[in-house]
Amino acid sequence: MHALSLPTWVVHISSVLEWMAAIWFVAQLDRRCPQRGWRWLAWAMLPALVSAMCACTWHYFDNAVALEWLVDLQALLTFVGNCALCGAAAWLWWRSRESQSIS
């Protein structure tokens, strides 16, 4: 745990907590407006959450060489998460335009 300073740990841990809260809030939004497709945005946020957890885990174990694969996994999950978020945002945009044209 000596790899990071206390302020850096605060940033890492708060990032994980923020992703968890954001996913929960988006899931609650989907409960109120299920026809919009917010559920897909909540699912698309999960790879970014796991990516942040990979970073915290690797740093917790002092950037151990044996866990270096977590860095690659984090990079992959960041890429997958960004693509998923882009797709979910496009889906929400498409659904909102579809509902506007019907109204």
C-alpha atoms as a PDB file:
ATOM      1  CA  MET A   1       0.000   0.000   0.000  1.00  0.00           C
ATOM      2  CA  HIS A   2       3.003   2.277  -0.041  1.00  0.00           C
ATOM      3  CA  ALA A   3       2.832   2.874  -3.793  1.00  0.00           C
ATOM      4  CA  LEU A   4       0.441   5.828  -3.535  1.00  0.00           C
ATOM      5  CA  SER A   5       0.107   8.854  -1.302  1.00  0.00           C
ATOM      6  CA  LEU A   6      -2.975   9.348   0.838  1.00  0.00           C
ATOM      7  CA  PRO A   7      -4.489  12.016  -1.469  1.00  0.00           C
ATOM      8  CA  THR A   8      -4.024   9.700  -4.451  1.00  0.00           C
ATOM      9  CA  TRP A   9      -5.753   6.876  -2.563  1.00  0.00           C
ATOM     10  CA  VAL A  10      -8.634   9.235  -1.816  1.00  0.00           C
ATOM     11  CA  VAL A  11      -8.981   9.978  -5.539  1.00  0.00           C
ATOM     12  CA  HIS A  12      -8.854   6.278  -6.485  1.00  0.00           C
ATOM     13  CA  ILE A  13     -11.358   5.151  -3.860  1.00  0.00           C
ATOM     14  CA  SER A  14     -13.718   8.072  -4.462  1.00  0.00           C
ATOM     15  CA  SER A  15     -13.645   7.258  -8.176  1.00  0.00           C
ATOM     16  CA  VAL A  16     -14.856   3.718  -7.454  1.00  0.00           C
ATOM     17  CA  LEU A  17     -17.551   5.014  -5.107  1.00  0.00           C
ATOM     18  CA  GLU A  18     -18.648   7.622  -7.658  1.00  0.00           C
ATOM     19  CA  TRP A  19     -19.016   4.992 -10.391  1.00  0.00           C
ATOM     20  CA  MET A  20     -21.059   2.819  -8.031  1.00  0.00           C
ATOM     21  CA  ALA A  21     -23.327   5.739  -7.138  1.00  0.00           C
ATOM     22  CA  ALA A  22     -23.705   6.804 -10.772  1.00  0.00           C
ATOM     23  CA  ILE A  23     -24.675   3.271 -11.831  1.00  0.00           C
ATOM     24  CA  TRP A  24     -27.223   3.115  -9.029  1.00  0.00           C
ATOM     25  CA  PHE A  25     -28.715   6.507  -9.965  1.00  0.00           C
ATOM     26  CA  VAL A  26     -28.991   5.561 -13.638  1.00  0.00           C
ATOM     27  CA  ALA A  27     -30.627   2.250 -12.657  1.00  0.00           C
ATOM     28  CA  GLN A  28     -33.146   4.209 -10.562  1.00  0.00           C
ATOM     29  CA  LEU A  29     -33.812   6.475 -13.519  1.00  0.00           C
ATOM     30  CA  ASP A  30     -34.544   3.387 -15.600  1.00  0.00           C
ATOM     31  CA  ARG A  31     -37.114   2.299 -13.014  1.00  0.00           C
ATOM     32  CA  ARG A  32     -38.937   5.591 -13.492  1.00  0.00           C
ATOM     33  CA  CYS A  33     -38.590   5.755 -17.291  1.00  0.00           C
ATOM     34  CA  PRO A  34     -38.105   2.155 -18.481  1.00  0.00           C
ATOM     35  CA  GLN A  35     -39.183   2.907 -22.041  1.00  0.00           C
ATOM     36  CA  ARG A  36     -36.168   5.161 -22.595  1.00  0.00           C
ATOM     37  CA  GLY A  37     -33.553   2.441 -22.223  1.00  0.00           C
ATOM     38  CA  TRP A  38     -31.516   3.843 -19.336  1.00  0.00           C
ATOM     39  CA  ARG A  39     -30.817   0.261 -18.283  1.00  0.00           C
ATOM     40  CA  TRP A  40     -28.300  -0.041 -21.131  1.00  0.00           C
ATOM     41  CA  LEU A  41     -26.391   2.972 -19.861  1.00  0.00           C
ATOM     42  CA  ALA A  42     -26.172   1.426 -16.378  1.00  0.00           C
ATOM     43  CA  TRP A  43     -24.836  -1.840 -17.840  1.00  0.00           C
ATOM     44  CA  ALA A  44     -22.413   0.066 -20.050  1.00  0.00           C
ATOM     45  CA  MET A  45     -20.940   1.749 -16.972  1.00  0.00           C
ATOM     46  CA  LEU A  46     -19.893  -1.551 -15.365  1.00  0.00           C
ATOM     47  CA  PRO A  47     -16.637  -2.061 -17.317  1.00  0.00           C
ATOM     48  CA  ALA A  48     -15.420   1.364 -16.164  1.00  0.00           C
ATOM     49  CA  LEU A  49     -16.217   0.431 -12.566  1.00  0.00           C
ATOM     50  CA  VAL A  50     -14.303  -2.839 -12.825  1.00  0.00           C
ATOM     51  CA  SER A  51     -11.438  -0.982 -14.507  1.00  0.00           C
ATOM     52  CA  ALA A  52     -11.213   1.382 -11.542  1.00  0.00           C
ATOM     53  CA  MET A  53     -11.303  -1.577  -9.170  1.00  0.00           C
ATOM     54  CA  CYS A  54      -8.408  -3.167 -11.080  1.00  0.00           C
ATOM     55  CA  ALA A  55      -6.332  -0.029 -10.548  1.00  0.00           C
ATOM     56  CA  CYS A  56      -7.096   0.050  -6.833  1.00  0.00           C
ATOM     57  CA  THR A  57      -6.288  -3.639  -6.447  1.00  0.00           C
ATOM     58  CA  TRP A  58      -2.964  -3.353  -8.237  1.00  0.00           C
ATOM     59  CA  HIS A  59      -1.938  -0.340  -6.177  1.00  0.00           C
ATOM     60  CA  TYR A  60      -3.138  -1.964  -2.943  1.00  0.00           C
ATOM     61  CA  PHE A  61      -0.613  -4.742  -3.505  1.00  0.00           C
ATOM     62  CA  ASP A  62       2.212  -2.228  -4.119  1.00  0.00           C
ATOM     63  CA  ASN A  63       2.152  -2.614  -7.908  1.00  0.00           C
ATOM     64  CA  ALA A  64       3.295  -6.224  -7.606  1.00  0.00           C
ATOM     65  CA  VAL A  65       4.877  -7.645 -10.753  1.00  0.00           C
ATOM     66  CA  ALA A  66       2.794 -10.804 -10.314  1.00  0.00           C
ATOM     67  CA  LEU A  67      -0.350  -8.695 -10.711  1.00  0.00           C
ATOM     68  CA  GLU A  68       0.856  -6.689 -13.690  1.00  0.00           C
ATOM     69  CA  TRP A  69      -1.856  -8.358 -15.787  1.00  0.00           C
ATOM     70  CA  LEU A  70      -4.313  -6.105 -13.930  1.00  0.00           C
ATOM     71  CA  VAL A  71      -2.862  -3.132 -15.812  1.00  0.00           C
ATOM     72  CA  ASP A  72      -3.647  -4.819 -19.137  1.00  0.00           C
ATOM     73  CA  LEU A  73      -7.098  -5.793 -17.906  1.00  0.00           C
ATOM     74  CA  GLN A  74      -7.710  -2.209 -16.794  1.00  0.00           C
ATOM     75  CA  ALA A  75      -6.722  -0.899 -20.222  1.00  0.00           C
ATOM     76  CA  LEU A  76      -8.974  -3.420 -21.968  1.00  0.00           C
ATOM     77  CA  LEU A  77     -11.915  -2.655 -19.687  1.00  0.00           C
ATOM     78  CA  THR A  78     -11.426   1.073 -20.183  1.00  0.00           C
ATOM     79  CA  PHE A  79     -11.597   0.580 -23.959  1.00  0.00           C
ATOM     80  CA  VAL A  80     -14.610  -1.746 -23.739  1.00  0.00           C
ATOM     81  CA  GLY A  81     -16.302   0.599 -21.275  1.00  0.00           C
ATOM     82  CA  ASN A  82     -15.779   3.644 -23.462  1.00  0.00           C
ATOM     83  CA  CYS A  83     -17.193   1.792 -26.475  1.00  0.00           C
ATOM     84  CA  ALA A  84     -20.145   0.544 -24.422  1.00  0.00           C
ATOM     85  CA  LEU A  85     -20.845   4.024 -23.074  1.00  0.00           C
ATOM     86  CA  CYS A  86     -20.707   5.431 -26.590  1.00  0.00           C
ATOM     87  CA  GLY A  87     -23.164   2.787 -27.770  1.00  0.00           C
ATOM     88  CA  ALA A  88     -25.516   3.343 -24.835  1.00  0.00           C
ATOM     89  CA  ALA A  89     -25.435   7.117 -25.357  1.00  0.00           C
ATOM     90  CA  ALA A  90     -26.185   6.637 -29.057  1.00  0.00           C
ATOM     91  CA  TRP A  91     -29.074   4.327 -28.132  1.00  0.00           C
ATOM     92  CA  LEU A  92     -30.516   6.915 -25.738  1.00  0.00           C
ATOM     93  CA  TRP A  93     -30.131   9.628 -28.353  1.00  0.00           C
ATOM     94  CA  TRP A  94     -31.841   7.466 -30.987  1.00  0.00           C
ATOM     95  CA  ARG A  95     -34.685   6.580 -28.602  1.00  0.00           C
ATOM     96  CA  SER A  96     -35.196  10.229 -27.664  1.00  0.00           C
ATOM     97  CA  ARG A  97     -35.399  11.253 -31.335  1.00  0.00           C
ATOM     98  CA  GLU A  98     -37.775   8.371 -31.989  1.00  0.00           C
ATOM     99  CA  SER A  99     -40.086   9.459 -29.170  1.00  0.00           C
ATOM    100  CA  GLN A 100     -39.952  13.097 -30.329  1.00  0.00           C
ATOM    101  CA  SER A 101     -40.986  12.177 -33.850  1.00  0.00           C
ATOM    102  CA  ILE A 102     -43.967  10.210 -32.525  1.00  0.00           C
ATOM    103  CA  SER A 103     -45.164  13.126 -30.339  1.00  0.00           C
END
